[in-house]
């Protein structure tokens, strides 16, 4: 028997339902989580736009369709490795991606610092 998740049940509950229920501190928490995801997705989108060719197109498509932070987390090393090494703009995108990941996954700070140094 296959176990269903909320993602498998269309329109349950509707997205607006989360904003209408719960205590104010819970609502603020959900908004903060959503804002961090949006910032993460924007950082990934901008970085993927710097990658050329078929790999760049694939990364852009994956980022565009991502609906959870873990989906972006799983492609982080591919995206960072695909960014050009000789471009200051790509380095800025690399740092923006790592900073956004740090906001969503604070426990990954050491891993992100190692990635930034290329180890």
PDB file of N, CA and C in Angstrom:
ATOM      1  N   UNK A   1       0.839  -1.178   0.000  1.00  0.00           N
ATOM      2  CA  UNK A   1       0.000   0.000   0.000  1.00  0.00           C
ATOM      3  C   UNK A   1       0.889   1.248   0.000  1.00  0.00           C
ATOM      4  N   UNK A   2       0.625   2.144  -0.914  1.00  0.00           N
ATOM      5  CA  UNK A   2       1.417   3.368  -1.029  1.00  0.00           C
ATOM      6  C   UNK A   2       0.882   4.421  -0.078  1.00  0.00           C
ATOM      7  N   UNK A   3       1.804   5.079   0.594  1.00  0.00           N
ATOM      8  CA  UNK A   3       1.426   6.117   1.542  1.00  0.00           C
ATOM      9  C   UNK A   3       1.333   7.458   0.819  1.00  0.00           C
ATOM     10  N   UNK A   4       0.234   8.161   1.008  1.00  0.00           N
ATOM     11  CA  UNK A   4       0.034   9.452   0.367  1.00  0.00           C
ATOM     12  C   UNK A   4       0.576  10.568   1.241  1.00  0.00           C
ATOM     13  N   UNK A   5       1.060  11.589   0.586  1.00  0.00           N
ATOM     14  CA  UNK A   5       1.461  12.809   1.288  1.00  0.00           C
ATOM     15  C   UNK A   5       0.513  13.916   0.863  1.00  0.00           C
ATOM     16  N   UNK A   6       0.598  15.059   1.535  1.00  0.00           N
ATOM     17  CA  UNK A   6      -0.271  16.182   1.172  1.00  0.00           C
ATOM     18  C   UNK A   6      -0.022  16.653  -0.253  1.00  0.00           C
ATOM     19  N   UNK A   7       1.206  16.473  -0.747  1.00  0.00           N
ATOM     20  CA  UNK A   7       1.502  16.882  -2.123  1.00  0.00           C
ATOM     21  C   UNK A   7       0.774  16.012  -3.133  1.00  0.00           C
ATOM     22  N   UNK A   8       0.380  14.779  -2.730  1.00  0.00           N
ATOM     23  CA  UNK A   8      -0.319  13.877  -3.631  1.00  0.00           C
ATOM     24  C   UNK A   8      -1.814  14.149  -3.698  1.00  0.00           C
ATOM     25  N   UNK A   9      -2.328  14.919  -2.765  1.00  0.00           N
ATOM     26  CA  UNK A   9      -3.760  15.200  -2.715  1.00  0.00           C
ATOM     27  C   UNK A   9      -3.980  16.605  -3.258  1.00  0.00           C
ATOM     28  N   UNK A  10      -4.535  16.744  -4.456  1.00  0.00           N
ATOM     29  CA  UNK A  10      -4.683  18.079  -5.045  1.00  0.00           C
ATOM     30  C   UNK A  10      -5.634  18.959  -4.235  1.00  0.00           C
ATOM     31  N   UNK A  11      -5.198  20.162  -4.041  1.00  0.00           N
ATOM     32  CA  UNK A  11      -6.007  21.202  -3.391  1.00  0.00           C
ATOM     33  C   UNK A  11      -6.418  20.848  -1.967  1.00  0.00           C
ATOM     34  N   UNK A  12      -5.614  20.114  -1.228  1.00  0.00           N
ATOM     35  CA  UNK A  12      -5.936  19.816   0.159  1.00  0.00           C
ATOM     36  C   UNK A  12      -4.765  20.144   1.043  1.00  0.00           C
ATOM     37  N   UNK A  13      -4.903  20.964   2.003  1.00  0.00           N
ATOM     38  CA  UNK A  13      -5.860  22.054   2.061  1.00  0.00           C
ATOM     39  C   UNK A  13      -5.451  23.120   1.067  1.00  0.00           C
ATOM     40  N   UNK A  14      -6.353  24.025   0.731  1.00  0.00           N
ATOM     41  CA  UNK A  14      -5.986  25.076  -0.219  1.00  0.00           C
ATOM     42  C   UNK A  14      -4.879  25.950   0.365  1.00  0.00           C
ATOM     43  N   UNK A  15      -3.974  26.461  -0.468  1.00  0.00           N
ATOM     44  CA  UNK A  15      -2.837  27.239   0.028  1.00  0.00           C
ATOM     45  C   UNK A  15      -3.220  28.413   0.924  1.00  0.00           C
ATOM     46  N   UNK A  16      -4.336  29.062   0.650  1.00  0.00           N
ATOM     47  CA  UNK A  16      -4.713  30.218   1.462  1.00  0.00           C
ATOM     48  C   UNK A  16      -5.137  29.800   2.864  1.00  0.00           C
ATOM     49  N   UNK A  17      -5.448  28.530   3.083  1.00  0.00           N
ATOM     50  CA  UNK A  17      -5.907  28.084   4.398  1.00  0.00           C
ATOM     51  C   UNK A  17      -4.828  28.242   5.455  1.00  0.00           C
ATOM     52  N   UNK A  18      -3.590  28.121   5.061  1.00  0.00           N
ATOM     53  CA  UNK A  18      -2.506  28.240   6.037  1.00  0.00           C
ATOM     54  C   UNK A  18      -2.401  29.644   6.607  1.00  0.00           C
ATOM     55  N   UNK A  19      -2.732  30.631   5.818  1.00  0.00           N
ATOM     56  CA  UNK A  19      -2.622  32.018   6.273  1.00  0.00           C
ATOM     57  C   UNK A  19      -3.798  32.423   7.157  1.00  0.00           C
ATOM     58  N   UNK A  20      -4.863  31.649   7.168  1.00  0.00           N
ATOM     59  CA  UNK A  20      -6.083  32.045   7.870  1.00  0.00           C
ATOM     60  C   UNK A  20      -6.245  31.396   9.240  1.00  0.00           C
ATOM     61  N   UNK A  21      -5.464  30.394   9.547  1.00  0.00           N
ATOM     62  CA  UNK A  21      -5.657  29.673  10.797  1.00  0.00           C
ATOM     63  C   UNK A  21      -4.417  29.758  11.656  1.00  0.00           C
ATOM     64  N   UNK A  22      -4.588  29.397  12.923  1.00  0.00           N
ATOM     65  CA  UNK A  22      -3.448  29.341  13.818  1.00  0.00           C
ATOM     66  C   UNK A  22      -3.228  30.629  14.570  1.00  0.00           C
ATOM     67  N   UNK A  23      -2.334  30.523  15.514  1.00  0.00           N
ATOM     68  CA  UNK A  23      -1.994  31.685  16.324  1.00  0.00           C
ATOM     69  C   UNK A  23      -1.109  32.637  15.516  1.00  0.00           C
ATOM     70  N   UNK A  24      -1.098  33.907  15.917  1.00  0.00           N
ATOM     71  CA  UNK A  24      -0.294  34.873  15.148  1.00  0.00           C
ATOM     72  C   UNK A  24       1.183  34.508  15.065  1.00  0.00           C
ATOM     73  N   UNK A  25       1.756  33.949  16.135  1.00  0.00           N
ATOM     74  CA  UNK A  25       3.178  33.593  16.075  1.00  0.00           C
ATOM     75  C   UNK A  25       3.424  32.428  15.106  1.00  0.00           C
ATOM     76  N   UNK A  26       2.463  31.510  15.001  1.00  0.00           N
ATOM     77  CA  UNK A  26       2.580  30.432  14.023  1.00  0.00           C
ATOM     78  C   UNK A  26       2.515  30.990  12.601  1.00  0.00           C
ATOM     79  N   UNK A  27       1.620  31.922  12.408  1.00  0.00           N
ATOM     80  CA  UNK A  27       1.473  32.536  11.081  1.00  0.00           C
ATOM     81  C   UNK A  27       2.745  33.288  10.699  1.00  0.00           C
ATOM     82  N   UNK A  28       3.311  34.032  11.643  1.00  0.00           N
ATOM     83  CA  UNK A  28       4.566  34.741  11.365  1.00  0.00           C
ATOM     84  C   UNK A  28       5.673  33.756  11.021  1.00  0.00           C
ATOM     85  N   UNK A  29       5.690  32.625  11.715  1.00  0.00           N
ATOM     86  CA  UNK A  29       6.693  31.601  11.423  1.00  0.00           C
ATOM     87  C   UNK A  29       6.544  31.044  10.022  1.00  0.00           C
ATOM     88  N   UNK A  30       5.316  30.777   9.615  1.00  0.00           N
ATOM     89  CA  UNK A  30       5.072  30.267   8.259  1.00  0.00           C
ATOM     90  C   UNK A  30       5.473  31.298   7.217  1.00  0.00           C
ATOM     91  N   UNK A  31       5.185  32.548   7.504  1.00  0.00           N
ATOM     92  CA  UNK A  31       5.550  33.613   6.564  1.00  0.00           C
ATOM     93  C   UNK A  31       7.069  33.724   6.466  1.00  0.00           C
ATOM     94  N   UNK A  32       7.762  33.622   7.585  1.00  0.00           N
ATOM     95  CA  UNK A  32       9.225  33.698   7.579  1.00  0.00           C
ATOM     96  C   UNK A  32       9.831  32.537   6.796  1.00  0.00           C
ATOM     97  N   UNK A  33       9.281  31.346   6.971  1.00  0.00           N
ATOM     98  CA  UNK A  33       9.763  30.181   6.237  1.00  0.00           C
ATOM     99  C   UNK A  33       9.535  30.368   4.740  1.00  0.00           C
ATOM    100  N   UNK A  34       8.363  30.847   4.383  1.00  0.00           N
ATOM    101  CA  UNK A  34       8.052  31.068   2.967  1.00  0.00           C
ATOM    102  C   UNK A  34       8.961  32.128   2.359  1.00  0.00           C
ATOM    103  N   UNK A  35       9.196  33.196   3.110  1.00  0.00           N
ATOM    104  CA  UNK A  35      10.065  34.270   2.625  1.00  0.00           C
ATOM    105  C   UNK A  35      11.490  33.748   2.402  1.00  0.00           C
ATOM    106  N   UNK A  36      11.985  32.930   3.328  1.00  0.00           N
ATOM    107  CA  UNK A  36      13.326  32.365   3.174  1.00  0.00           C
ATOM    108  C   UNK A  36      13.393  31.475   1.936  1.00  0.00           C
ATOM    109  N   UNK A  37      12.326  30.693   1.683  1.00  0.00           N
ATOM    110  CA  UNK A  37      12.305  29.845   0.486  1.00  0.00           C
ATOM    111  C   UNK A  37      12.300  30.688  -0.780  1.00  0.00           C
ATOM    112  N   UNK A  38      11.513  31.742  -0.793  1.00  0.00           N
ATOM    113  CA  UNK A  38      11.459  32.611  -1.979  1.00  0.00           C
ATOM    114  C   UNK A  38      12.825  33.235  -2.237  1.00  0.00           C
ATOM    115  N   UNK A  39      13.491  33.693  -1.195  1.00  0.00           N
ATOM    116  CA  UNK A  39      14.830  34.271  -1.363  1.00  0.00           C
ATOM    117  C   UNK A  39      15.825  33.222  -1.856  1.00  0.00           C
ATOM    118  N   UNK A  40      15.693  32.000  -1.343  1.00  0.00           N
ATOM    119  CA  UNK A  40      16.554  30.912  -1.793  1.00  0.00           C
ATOM    120  C   UNK A  40      16.318  30.618  -3.273  1.00  0.00           C
ATOM    121  N   UNK A  41      15.062  30.552  -3.656  1.00  0.00           N
ATOM    122  CA  UNK A  41      14.730  30.254  -5.048  1.00  0.00           C
ATOM    123  C   UNK A  41      15.206  31.370  -5.979  1.00  0.00           C
ATOM    124  N   UNK A  42      15.083  32.610  -5.549  1.00  0.00           N
ATOM    125  CA  UNK A  42      15.581  33.727  -6.361  1.00  0.00           C
ATOM    126  C   UNK A  42      17.093  33.653  -6.539  1.00  0.00           C
ATOM    127  N   UNK A  43      17.808  33.329  -5.472  1.00  0.00           N
ATOM    128  CA  UNK A  43      19.267  33.210  -5.565  1.00  0.00           C
ATOM    129  C   UNK A  43      19.640  32.091  -6.537  1.00  0.00           C
ATOM    130  N   UNK A  44      18.951  30.963  -6.453  1.00  0.00           N
ATOM    131  CA  UNK A  44      19.218  29.858  -7.361  1.00  0.00           C
ATOM    132  C   UNK A  44      18.854  30.231  -8.795  1.00  0.00           C
ATOM    133  N   UNK A  45      17.742  30.935  -8.980  1.00  0.00           N
ATOM    134  CA  UNK A  45      17.309  31.340 -10.315  1.00  0.00           C
ATOM    135  C   UNK A  45      18.350  32.248 -10.965  1.00  0.00           C
ATOM    136  N   UNK A  46      18.815  33.214 -10.215  1.00  0.00           N
ATOM    137  CA  UNK A  46      19.820  34.151 -10.754  1.00  0.00           C
ATOM    138  C   UNK A  46      21.129  33.440 -11.075  1.00  0.00           C
ATOM    139  N   UNK A  47      21.530  32.532 -10.195  1.00  0.00           N
ATOM    140  CA  UNK A  47      22.779  31.795 -10.430  1.00  0.00           C
ATOM    141  C   UNK A  47      22.641  30.874 -11.639  1.00  0.00           C
ATOM    142  N   UNK A  48      21.525  30.185 -11.756  1.00  0.00           N
ATOM    143  CA  UNK A  48      21.319  29.266 -12.883  1.00  0.00           C
ATOM    144  C   UNK A  48      21.307  30.016 -14.212  1.00  0.00           C
ATOM    145  N   UNK A  49      20.875  31.257 -14.195  1.00  0.00           N
ATOM    146  CA  UNK A  49      20.861  32.067 -15.415  1.00  0.00           C
ATOM    147  C   UNK A  49      22.280  32.365 -15.906  1.00  0.00           C
ATOM    148  N   UNK A  50      23.261  32.262 -15.023  1.00  0.00           N
ATOM    149  CA  UNK A  50      24.659  32.509 -15.408  1.00  0.00           C
ATOM    150  C   UNK A  50      25.303  31.297 -16.074  1.00  0.00           C
ATOM    151  N   UNK A  51      24.678  30.132 -15.952  1.00  0.00           N
ATOM    152  CA  UNK A  51      25.242  28.905 -16.522  1.00  0.00           C
ATOM    153  C   UNK A  51      24.734  28.769 -17.951  1.00  0.00           C
ATOM    154  N   UNK A  52      25.645  28.569 -18.867  1.00  0.00           N
ATOM    155  CA  UNK A  52      25.249  28.488 -20.276  1.00  0.00           C
ATOM    156  C   UNK A  52      25.065  27.047 -20.716  1.00  0.00           C
ATOM    157  N   UNK A  53      24.489  26.909 -21.874  1.00  0.00           N
ATOM    158  CA  UNK A  53      24.339  25.604 -22.493  1.00  0.00           C
ATOM    159  C   UNK A  53      23.196  24.781 -21.935  1.00  0.00           C
ATOM    160  N   UNK A  54      23.254  23.494 -22.258  1.00  0.00           N
ATOM    161  CA  UNK A  54      22.200  22.565 -21.865  1.00  0.00           C
ATOM    162  C   UNK A  54      22.126  22.392 -20.347  1.00  0.00           C
ATOM    163  N   UNK A  55      23.262  22.422 -19.701  1.00  0.00           N
ATOM    164  CA  UNK A  55      23.279  22.297 -18.234  1.00  0.00           C
ATOM    165  C   UNK A  55      22.560  23.488 -17.616  1.00  0.00           C
ATOM    166  N   UNK A  56      22.812  24.663 -18.134  1.00  0.00           N
ATOM    167  CA  UNK A  56      22.141  25.865 -17.638  1.00  0.00           C
ATOM    168  C   UNK A  56      20.642  25.789 -17.820  1.00  0.00           C
ATOM    169  N   UNK A  57      20.209  25.317 -18.980  1.00  0.00           N
ATOM    170  CA  UNK A  57      18.773  25.183 -19.231  1.00  0.00           C
ATOM    171  C   UNK A  57      18.141  24.163 -18.292  1.00  0.00           C
ATOM    172  N   UNK A  58      18.828  23.057 -18.061  1.00  0.00           N
ATOM    173  CA  UNK A  58      18.307  22.036 -17.148  1.00  0.00           C
ATOM    174  C   UNK A  58      18.217  22.568 -15.727  1.00  0.00           C
ATOM    175  N   UNK A  59      19.251  23.271 -15.289  1.00  0.00           N
ATOM    176  CA  UNK A  59      19.234  23.849 -13.940  1.00  0.00           C
ATOM    177  C   UNK A  59      18.112  24.870 -13.790  1.00  0.00           C
ATOM    178  N   UNK A  60      17.935  25.697 -14.801  1.00  0.00           N
ATOM    179  CA  UNK A  60      16.867  26.696 -14.750  1.00  0.00           C
ATOM    180  C   UNK A  60      15.495  26.037 -14.651  1.00  0.00           C
ATOM    181  N   UNK A  61      15.316  24.960 -15.381  1.00  0.00           N
ATOM    182  CA  UNK A  61      14.035  24.240 -15.349  1.00  0.00           C
ATOM    183  C   UNK A  61      13.800  23.604 -13.969  1.00  0.00           C
ATOM    184  N   UNK A  62      14.824  22.997 -13.417  1.00  0.00           N
ATOM    185  CA  UNK A  62      14.701  22.371 -12.100  1.00  0.00           C
ATOM    186  C   UNK A  62      14.382  23.417 -11.041  1.00  0.00           C
ATOM    187  N   UNK A  63      15.074  24.536 -11.085  1.00  0.00           N
ATOM    188  CA  UNK A  63      14.843  25.606 -10.105  1.00  0.00           C
ATOM    189  C   UNK A  63      13.435  26.163 -10.264  1.00  0.00           C
ATOM    190  N   UNK A  64      13.015  26.376 -11.472  1.00  0.00           N
ATOM    191  CA  UNK A  64      11.683  26.933 -11.727  1.00  0.00           C
ATOM    192  C   UNK A  64      10.583  26.035 -11.153  1.00  0.00           C
ATOM    193  N   UNK A  65      10.764  24.727 -11.226  1.00  0.00           N
ATOM    194  CA  UNK A  65       9.744  23.784 -10.773  1.00  0.00           C
ATOM    195  C   UNK A  65       9.883  23.404  -9.299  1.00  0.00           C
ATOM    196  N   UNK A  66      10.923  23.851  -8.638  1.00  0.00           N
ATOM    197  CA  UNK A  66      11.129  23.504  -7.225  1.00  0.00           C
ATOM    198  C   UNK A  66      10.036  24.126  -6.364  1.00  0.00           C
ATOM    199  N   UNK A  67       9.493  23.325  -5.464  1.00  0.00           N
ATOM    200  CA  UNK A  67       8.464  23.825  -4.556  1.00  0.00           C
ATOM    201  C   UNK A  67       8.840  23.635  -3.099  1.00  0.00           C
ATOM    202  N   UNK A  68       9.986  23.038  -2.850  1.00  0.00           N
ATOM    203  CA  UNK A  68      10.473  22.804  -1.494  1.00  0.00           C
ATOM    204  C   UNK A  68      11.969  23.142  -1.440  1.00  0.00           C
ATOM    205  N   UNK A  69      12.447  23.648  -0.311  1.00  0.00           N
ATOM    206  CA  UNK A  69      13.878  23.957  -0.189  1.00  0.00           C
ATOM    207  C   UNK A  69      14.786  22.753  -0.440  1.00  0.00           C
ATOM    208  N   UNK A  70      14.348  21.566  -0.061  1.00  0.00           N
ATOM    209  CA  UNK A  70      15.190  20.380  -0.236  1.00  0.00           C
ATOM    210  C   UNK A  70      15.485  20.122  -1.710  1.00  0.00           C
ATOM    211  N   UNK A  71      14.559  20.478  -2.587  1.00  0.00           N
ATOM    212  CA  UNK A  71      14.781  20.293  -4.016  1.00  0.00           C
ATOM    213  C   UNK A  71      15.950  21.163  -4.496  1.00  0.00           C
ATOM    214  N   UNK A  72      16.071  22.344  -3.931  1.00  0.00           N
ATOM    215  CA  UNK A  72      17.189  23.227  -4.282  1.00  0.00           C
ATOM    216  C   UNK A  72      18.468  22.758  -3.587  1.00  0.00           C
ATOM    217  N   UNK A  73      18.338  22.307  -2.360  1.00  0.00           N
ATOM    218  CA  UNK A  73      19.493  21.801  -1.610  1.00  0.00           C
ATOM    219  C   UNK A  73      20.169  20.668  -2.391  1.00  0.00           C
ATOM    220  N   UNK A  74      19.366  19.805  -3.005  1.00  0.00           N
ATOM    221  CA  UNK A  74      19.912  18.652  -3.706  1.00  0.00           C
ATOM    222  C   UNK A  74      20.698  19.019  -4.965  1.00  0.00           C
ATOM    223  N   UNK A  75      20.433  20.173  -5.549  1.00  0.00           N
ATOM    224  CA  UNK A  75      21.169  20.564  -6.764  1.00  0.00           C
ATOM    225  C   UNK A  75      22.228  21.626  -6.486  1.00  0.00           C
ATOM    226  N   UNK A  76      22.427  21.968  -5.224  1.00  0.00           N
ATOM    227  CA  UNK A  76      23.352  23.060  -4.890  1.00  0.00           C
ATOM    228  C   UNK A  76      24.759  22.821  -5.419  1.00  0.00           C
ATOM    229  N   UNK A  77      25.306  21.624  -5.234  1.00  0.00           N
ATOM    230  CA  UNK A  77      26.676  21.379  -5.670  1.00  0.00           C
ATOM    231  C   UNK A  77      26.791  21.400  -7.187  1.00  0.00           C
ATOM    232  N   UNK A  78      25.788  20.892  -7.875  1.00  0.00           N
ATOM    233  CA  UNK A  78      25.792  20.927  -9.348  1.00  0.00           C
ATOM    234  C   UNK A  78      25.767  22.364  -9.844  1.00  0.00           C
ATOM    235  N   UNK A  79      24.902  23.172  -9.242  1.00  0.00           N
ATOM    236  CA  UNK A  79      24.794  24.576  -9.645  1.00  0.00           C
ATOM    237  C   UNK A  79      26.095  25.322  -9.364  1.00  0.00           C
ATOM    238  N   UNK A  80      26.636  25.145  -8.163  1.00  0.00           N
ATOM    239  CA  UNK A  80      27.856  25.863  -7.807  1.00  0.00           C
ATOM    240  C   UNK A  80      29.030  25.433  -8.681  1.00  0.00           C
ATOM    241  N   UNK A  81      29.106  24.145  -9.010  1.00  0.00           N
ATOM    242  CA  UNK A  81      30.188  23.664  -9.876  1.00  0.00           C
ATOM    243  C   UNK A  81      30.031  24.145 -11.309  1.00  0.00           C
ATOM    244  N   UNK A  82      28.805  24.369 -11.750  1.00  0.00           N
ATOM    245  CA  UNK A  82      28.562  24.794 -13.134  1.00  0.00           C
ATOM    246  C   UNK A  82      28.816  26.280 -13.352  1.00  0.00           C
ATOM    247  N   UNK A  83      28.852  27.058 -12.287  1.00  0.00           N
ATOM    248  CA  UNK A  83      29.105  28.495 -12.441  1.00  0.00           C
ATOM    249  C   UNK A  83      30.532  28.724 -12.924  1.00  0.00           C
ATOM    250  N   UNK A  84      30.726  29.668 -13.838  1.00  0.00           N
ATOM    251  CA  UNK A  84      32.079  29.950 -14.327  1.00  0.00           C
ATOM    252  C   UNK A  84      32.996  30.388 -13.186  1.00  0.00           C
ATOM    253  N   UNK A  85      34.230  29.910 -13.221  1.00  0.00           N
ATOM    254  CA  UNK A  85      35.174  30.226 -12.145  1.00  0.00           C
ATOM    255  C   UNK A  85      35.844  31.583 -12.314  1.00  0.00           C
ATOM    256  N   UNK A  86      35.913  32.078 -13.537  1.00  0.00           N
ATOM    257  CA  UNK A  86      36.656  33.303 -13.809  1.00  0.00           C
ATOM    258  C   UNK A  86      35.781  34.555 -13.831  1.00  0.00           C
ATOM    259  N   UNK A  87      34.563  34.445 -13.392  1.00  0.00           N
ATOM    260  CA  UNK A  87      33.641  35.580 -13.448  1.00  0.00           C
ATOM    261  C   UNK A  87      33.338  36.105 -12.037  1.00  0.00           C
ATOM    262  N   UNK A  88      33.540  37.395 -11.853  1.00  0.00           N
ATOM    263  CA  UNK A  88      33.229  37.994 -10.552  1.00  0.00           C
ATOM    264  C   UNK A  88      31.722  37.941 -10.285  1.00  0.00           C
ATOM    265  N   UNK A  89      30.958  38.108 -11.341  1.00  0.00           N
ATOM    266  CA  UNK A  89      29.492  38.042 -11.208  1.00  0.00           C
ATOM    267  C   UNK A  89      29.050  36.647 -10.756  1.00  0.00           C
ATOM    268  N   UNK A  90      29.678  35.608 -11.310  1.00  0.00           N
ATOM    269  CA  UNK A  90      29.368  34.234 -10.893  1.00  0.00           C
ATOM    270  C   UNK A  90      29.759  34.016  -9.442  1.00  0.00           C
ATOM    271  N   UNK A  91      30.863  34.603  -9.025  1.00  0.00           N
ATOM    272  CA  UNK A  91      31.271  34.498  -7.613  1.00  0.00           C
ATOM    273  C   UNK A  91      30.254  35.175  -6.706  1.00  0.00           C
ATOM    274  N   UNK A  92      29.705  36.301  -7.145  1.00  0.00           N
ATOM    275  CA  UNK A  92      28.660  36.972  -6.366  1.00  0.00           C
ATOM    276  C   UNK A  92      27.425  36.074  -6.242  1.00  0.00           C
ATOM    277  N   UNK A  93      27.062  35.413  -7.339  1.00  0.00           N
ATOM    278  CA  UNK A  93      25.920  34.493  -7.309  1.00  0.00           C
ATOM    279  C   UNK A  93      26.211  33.300  -6.397  1.00  0.00           C
ATOM    280  N   UNK A  94      27.434  32.812  -6.452  1.00  0.00           N
ATOM    281  CA  UNK A  94      27.830  31.683  -5.605  1.00  0.00           C
ATOM    282  C   UNK A  94      27.650  32.047  -4.134  1.00  0.00           C
ATOM    283  N   UNK A  95      28.115  33.219  -3.747  1.00  0.00           N
ATOM    284  CA  UNK A  95      27.978  33.672  -2.360  1.00  0.00           C
ATOM    285  C   UNK A  95      26.517  33.900  -1.984  1.00  0.00           C
ATOM    286  N   UNK A  96      25.729  34.430  -2.920  1.00  0.00           N
ATOM    287  CA  UNK A  96      24.300  34.657  -2.652  1.00  0.00           C
ATOM    288  C   UNK A  96      23.572  33.332  -2.419  1.00  0.00           C
ATOM    289  N   UNK A  97      23.910  32.319  -3.213  1.00  0.00           N
ATOM    290  CA  UNK A  97      23.298  30.998  -3.035  1.00  0.00           C
ATOM    291  C   UNK A  97      23.680  30.433  -1.667  1.00  0.00           C
ATOM    292  N   UNK A  98      24.955  30.529  -1.320  1.00  0.00           N
ATOM    293  CA  UNK A  98      25.400  29.997  -0.027  1.00  0.00           C
ATOM    294  C   UNK A  98      24.759  30.743   1.136  1.00  0.00           C
ATOM    295  N   UNK A  99      24.627  32.064   1.004  1.00  0.00           N
ATOM    296  CA  UNK A  99      23.961  32.843   2.060  1.00  0.00           C
ATOM    297  C   UNK A  99      22.494  32.463   2.198  1.00  0.00           C
ATOM    298  N   UNK A 100      21.815  32.289   1.071  1.00  0.00           N
ATOM    299  CA  UNK A 100      20.402  31.904   1.106  1.00  0.00           C
ATOM    300  C   UNK A 100      20.239  30.507   1.701  1.00  0.00           C
ATOM    301  N   UNK A 101      21.147  29.591   1.353  1.00  0.00           N
ATOM    302  CA  UNK A 101      21.101  28.251   1.943  1.00  0.00           C
ATOM    303  C   UNK A 101      21.315  28.317   3.452  1.00  0.00           C
ATOM    304  N   UNK A 102      22.186  29.203   3.874  1.00  0.00           N
ATOM    305  CA  UNK A 102      22.451  29.371   5.302  1.00  0.00           C
ATOM    306  C   UNK A 102      21.202  29.836   6.046  1.00  0.00           C
ATOM    307  N   UNK A 103      20.386  30.658   5.411  1.00  0.00           N
ATOM    308  CA  UNK A 103      19.152  31.130   6.038  1.00  0.00           C
ATOM    309  C   UNK A 103      18.145  29.997   6.210  1.00  0.00           C
ATOM    310  N   UNK A 104      18.092  29.097   5.236  1.00  0.00           N
ATOM    311  CA  UNK A 104      17.126  28.002   5.279  1.00  0.00           C
ATOM    312  C   UNK A 104      17.665  26.821   6.077  1.00  0.00           C
ATOM    313  N   UNK A 105      18.958  26.552   5.949  1.00  0.00           N
ATOM    314  CA  UNK A 105      19.604  25.432   6.638  1.00  0.00           C
ATOM    315  C   UNK A 105      20.768  25.958   7.477  1.00  0.00           C
ATOM    316  N   UNK A 106      20.492  26.575   8.621  1.00  0.00           N
ATOM    317  CA  UNK A 106      21.560  27.187   9.413  1.00  0.00           C
ATOM    318  C   UNK A 106      22.623  26.196   9.880  1.00  0.00           C
ATOM    319  N   UNK A 107      22.273  24.944  10.055  1.00  0.00           N
ATOM    320  CA  UNK A 107      23.238  23.957  10.516  1.00  0.00           C
ATOM    321  C   UNK A 107      24.265  23.603   9.459  1.00  0.00           C
ATOM    322  N   UNK A 108      24.076  24.071   8.246  1.00  0.00           N
ATOM    323  CA  UNK A 108      24.989  23.745   7.156  1.00  0.00           C
ATOM    324  C   UNK A 108      26.073  24.801   6.961  1.00  0.00           C
ATOM    325  N   UNK A 109      26.285  25.654   7.937  1.00  0.00           N
ATOM    326  CA  UNK A 109      27.231  26.760   7.788  1.00  0.00           C
ATOM    327  C   UNK A 109      28.632  26.261   7.447  1.00  0.00           C
ATOM    328  N   UNK A 110      29.127  25.263   8.155  1.00  0.00           N
ATOM    329  CA  UNK A 110      30.480  24.779   7.895  1.00  0.00           C
ATOM    330  C   UNK A 110      30.593  24.162   6.511  1.00  0.00           C
ATOM    331  N   UNK A 111      29.573  23.407   6.105  1.00  0.00           N
ATOM    332  CA  UNK A 111      29.594  22.810   4.769  1.00  0.00           C
ATOM    333  C   UNK A 111      29.595  23.896   3.702  1.00  0.00           C
ATOM    334  N   UNK A 112      28.808  24.934   3.893  1.00  0.00           N
ATOM    335  CA  UNK A 112      28.754  26.031   2.934  1.00  0.00           C
ATOM    336  C   UNK A 112      30.072  26.776   2.835  1.00  0.00           C
ATOM    337  N   UNK A 113      30.742  26.939   3.963  1.00  0.00           N
ATOM    338  CA  UNK A 113      32.037  27.612   3.948  1.00  0.00           C
ATOM    339  C   UNK A 113      33.074  26.770   3.211  1.00  0.00           C
ATOM    340  N   UNK A 114      33.018  25.443   3.387  1.00  0.00           N
ATOM    341  CA  UNK A 114      33.955  24.564   2.655  1.00  0.00           C
ATOM    342  C   UNK A 114      33.684  24.644   1.158  1.00  0.00           C
ATOM    343  N   UNK A 115      32.394  24.690   0.772  1.00  0.00           N
ATOM    344  CA  UNK A 115      32.048  24.768  -0.652  1.00  0.00           C
ATOM    345  C   UNK A 115      32.560  26.075  -1.257  1.00  0.00           C
ATOM    346  N   UNK A 116      32.439  27.163  -0.504  1.00  0.00           N
ATOM    347  CA  UNK A 116      32.859  28.473  -1.007  1.00  0.00           C
ATOM    348  C   UNK A 116      34.370  28.500  -1.236  1.00  0.00           C
ATOM    349  N   UNK A 117      35.091  27.761  -0.389  1.00  0.00           N
ATOM    350  CA  UNK A 117      36.551  27.726  -0.535  1.00  0.00           C
ATOM    351  C   UNK A 117      36.999  26.713  -1.574  1.00  0.00           C
ATOM    352  N   UNK A 118      36.054  25.870  -2.049  1.00  0.00           N
ATOM    353  CA  UNK A 118      36.388  24.896  -3.079  1.00  0.00           C
ATOM    354  C   UNK A 118      36.971  23.621  -2.547  1.00  0.00           C
ATOM    355  N   UNK A 119      36.692  23.272  -1.296  1.00  0.00           N
ATOM    356  CA  UNK A 119      37.219  22.018  -0.720  1.00  0.00           C
ATOM    357  C   UNK A 119      36.217  20.931  -0.754  1.00  0.00           C
TER     358      UNK A 119
END
